[in-house]
Protein backbone atom coordinates (compact mmCIF):
# COMPACT_ATOMS: atom_id res chain seq x y z
CA MET A 1 36.91 -15.05 1.84
CA THR A 2 35.79 -16.49 5.17
CA ILE A 3 32.35 -17.95 5.86
CA GLU A 4 31.46 -14.82 7.85
CA ASP A 5 32.52 -12.61 4.94
CA LYS A 6 30.38 -14.63 2.52
CA GLU A 7 27.37 -14.38 4.85
CA LEU A 8 27.92 -10.65 5.27
CA GLN A 9 28.13 -10.28 1.49
CA LYS A 10 24.83 -12.14 1.07
CA ILE A 11 23.17 -9.88 3.63
CA LYS A 12 24.48 -6.77 1.86
CA GLU A 13 23.24 -8.05 -1.50
CA LYS A 14 19.80 -8.76 -0.01
CA ILE A 15 19.59 -5.24 1.46
CA VAL A 16 20.61 -3.64 -1.83
CA SER A 17 18.10 -5.83 -3.69
CA ASP A 18 15.31 -4.80 -1.30
CA ILE A 19 16.21 -1.13 -1.70
CA MET A 20 16.30 -1.41 -5.48
CA THR A 21 12.97 -3.21 -5.55
CA GLY A 22 11.48 -0.40 -3.51
CA SER A 23 8.22 -2.02 -2.52
CA GLN A 24 8.66 -5.23 -0.60
CA ASP A 25 4.92 -5.82 -0.30
CA ALA A 26 4.20 -5.16 -3.98
CA ASN A 27 3.36 -8.81 -4.52
CA GLY A 28 -0.05 -8.56 -6.17
CA ILE A 29 -1.88 -9.15 -2.90
CA VAL A 30 -3.81 -6.62 -0.82
CA LYS A 31 -2.38 -6.87 2.68
CA ILE A 32 -4.62 -6.44 5.74
CA LEU A 33 -3.11 -3.97 8.22
CA THR A 34 -3.73 -3.08 11.84
CA SER A 35 -3.06 0.38 13.26
CA GLY A 36 0.34 -0.80 14.44
CA ASP A 37 1.36 -2.06 10.96
CA ILE A 38 0.69 1.10 8.97
CA GLN A 39 3.93 3.02 9.59
CA ASP A 40 6.08 -0.03 8.83
CA PHE A 41 4.11 -0.67 5.64
CA ILE A 42 4.50 2.84 4.26
CA THR A 43 8.15 3.02 5.34
CA LYS A 44 9.30 -0.18 3.66
CA ASN A 45 7.39 0.37 0.42
CA LYS A 46 8.45 3.15 -1.93
CA TYR A 47 4.96 3.24 -3.47
CA ALA A 48 2.04 2.29 -1.23
CA ILE A 49 -1.74 2.59 -1.31
CA ILE A 50 -3.92 2.02 1.73
CA ASP A 51 -7.68 1.50 1.46
CA PHE A 52 -9.51 2.54 4.64
CA TYR A 53 -12.80 0.64 4.47
CA ALA A 54 -15.73 -0.82 6.42
CA THR A 55 -17.38 -4.20 5.83
CA TRP A 56 -20.89 -2.69 5.81
CA CYS A 57 -20.07 -0.03 3.19
CA PRO A 58 -21.53 -0.55 -0.36
CA PRO A 59 -18.88 1.62 -2.15
CA CYS A 60 -16.19 -0.35 -0.27
CA LYS A 61 -17.66 -3.56 -1.64
CA ILE A 62 -17.56 -2.07 -5.14
CA MET A 63 -13.90 -1.07 -4.74
CA ASP A 64 -12.73 -4.37 -3.23
CA PRO A 65 -12.39 -6.33 -6.51
CA ILE A 66 -11.00 -3.25 -8.27
CA THR A 67 -8.34 -2.84 -5.57
CA LYS A 68 -7.42 -6.52 -5.87
CA GLU A 69 -7.10 -6.17 -9.67
CA MET A 70 -4.96 -3.06 -9.27
CA ALA A 71 -2.66 -4.88 -6.84
CA GLN A 72 -2.14 -7.54 -9.50
CA ASP A 73 -1.74 -4.97 -12.29
CA TYR A 74 0.95 -3.15 -10.27
CA ASN A 75 2.59 -6.33 -8.98
CA GLY A 76 6.24 -5.61 -8.23
CA LYS A 77 5.72 -1.84 -8.30
CA VAL A 78 3.06 -0.69 -5.83
CA ALA A 79 2.13 -2.21 -2.46
CA PHE A 80 -1.59 -2.31 -1.62
CA ALA A 81 -3.16 -2.68 1.82
CA LYS A 82 -6.50 -2.34 3.60
CA VAL A 83 -7.42 -1.09 7.05
CA ASN A 84 -10.83 -1.87 8.57
CA THR A 85 -11.88 1.44 10.14
CA ASP A 86 -14.38 -0.21 12.49
CA GLN A 87 -11.70 -2.45 13.99
CA GLU A 88 -8.83 0.03 13.75
CA ARG A 89 -10.30 3.24 15.14
CA ALA A 90 -6.89 4.66 16.06
CA ALA A 91 -5.85 4.51 12.41
CA ALA A 92 -9.15 6.03 11.30
CA MET A 93 -8.59 8.92 13.70
CA GLN A 94 -4.91 9.32 12.76
CA PHE A 95 -5.77 9.64 9.05
CA GLN A 96 -8.97 11.62 9.74
CA ILE A 97 -11.18 9.15 7.89
CA ARG A 98 -14.65 10.66 7.58
CA TYR A 99 -15.91 8.64 4.62
CA VAL A 100 -15.23 5.10 3.48
CA PRO A 101 -13.66 3.98 1.37
CA THR A 102 -10.79 6.45 1.55
CA PHE A 103 -7.59 5.65 -0.32
CA TYR A 104 -4.24 7.16 0.64
CA LEU A 105 -1.34 7.12 -1.83
CA PHE A 106 2.18 7.25 -0.37
CA LYS A 107 5.56 7.71 -2.00
CA ASP A 108 8.74 7.48 0.09
CA SER A 109 6.62 7.45 3.28
CA LYS A 110 4.92 10.74 2.40
CA ILE A 111 1.24 11.22 1.60
CA LEU A 112 0.88 12.29 -2.03
CA THR A 113 -2.89 12.44 -2.17
CA TYR A 114 -6.05 10.74 -1.04
CA PHE A 115 -9.60 10.32 -2.28
CA SER A 116 -12.88 9.03 -0.90
CA GLY A 117 -15.60 7.02 -2.59
CA ALA A 118 -15.73 4.57 -5.45
CA LYS A 119 -13.81 5.11 -8.70
CA LYS A 120 -13.81 3.30 -11.99
CA LYS A 121 -10.72 1.16 -12.49
CA LYS A 122 -9.47 3.34 -15.36
CA ASP A 123 -9.78 6.48 -13.21
CA PHE A 124 -7.97 4.80 -10.31
CA LYS A 125 -5.20 3.69 -12.70
CA GLU A 126 -4.86 7.21 -14.15
CA LEU A 127 -4.52 8.64 -10.64
CA ILE A 128 -1.84 6.11 -9.70
CA ASP A 129 0.09 6.69 -12.90
CA LYS A 130 -0.09 10.47 -12.44
CA GLN A 131 0.92 10.42 -8.76
CA PHE A 132 3.63 7.76 -9.07
CA LYS A 133 4.74 9.02 -12.51
CA LYS A 134 4.98 5.53 -14.01
């Protein structure tokens, strides 16, 4: 096997590994997205949740630590991200955000469901498990 063949094999293995993992950003961290990042985020992650929030919003502040805990609980399985609706108005318009926080759940780049307002962690977990059929 030539050096080029070995490199090509490594690249193929990496691609297959990424596909099998399914959610490249499922690393236990809530990623901050801009309007331009959203499509890439939902495309490269089999399971993705985006929190559309505002810094001035009390329910958003309640959900922030819960969302961070959920990202850690679903580490390696579900990718979590946040979009600031005040800074990213194009995204807020695209997803028709009327209330914050609003959470969108995606599977295979398709919207499964969304909800607005604060939820208890157990209720959020039940929704994720039901929608993503863990």
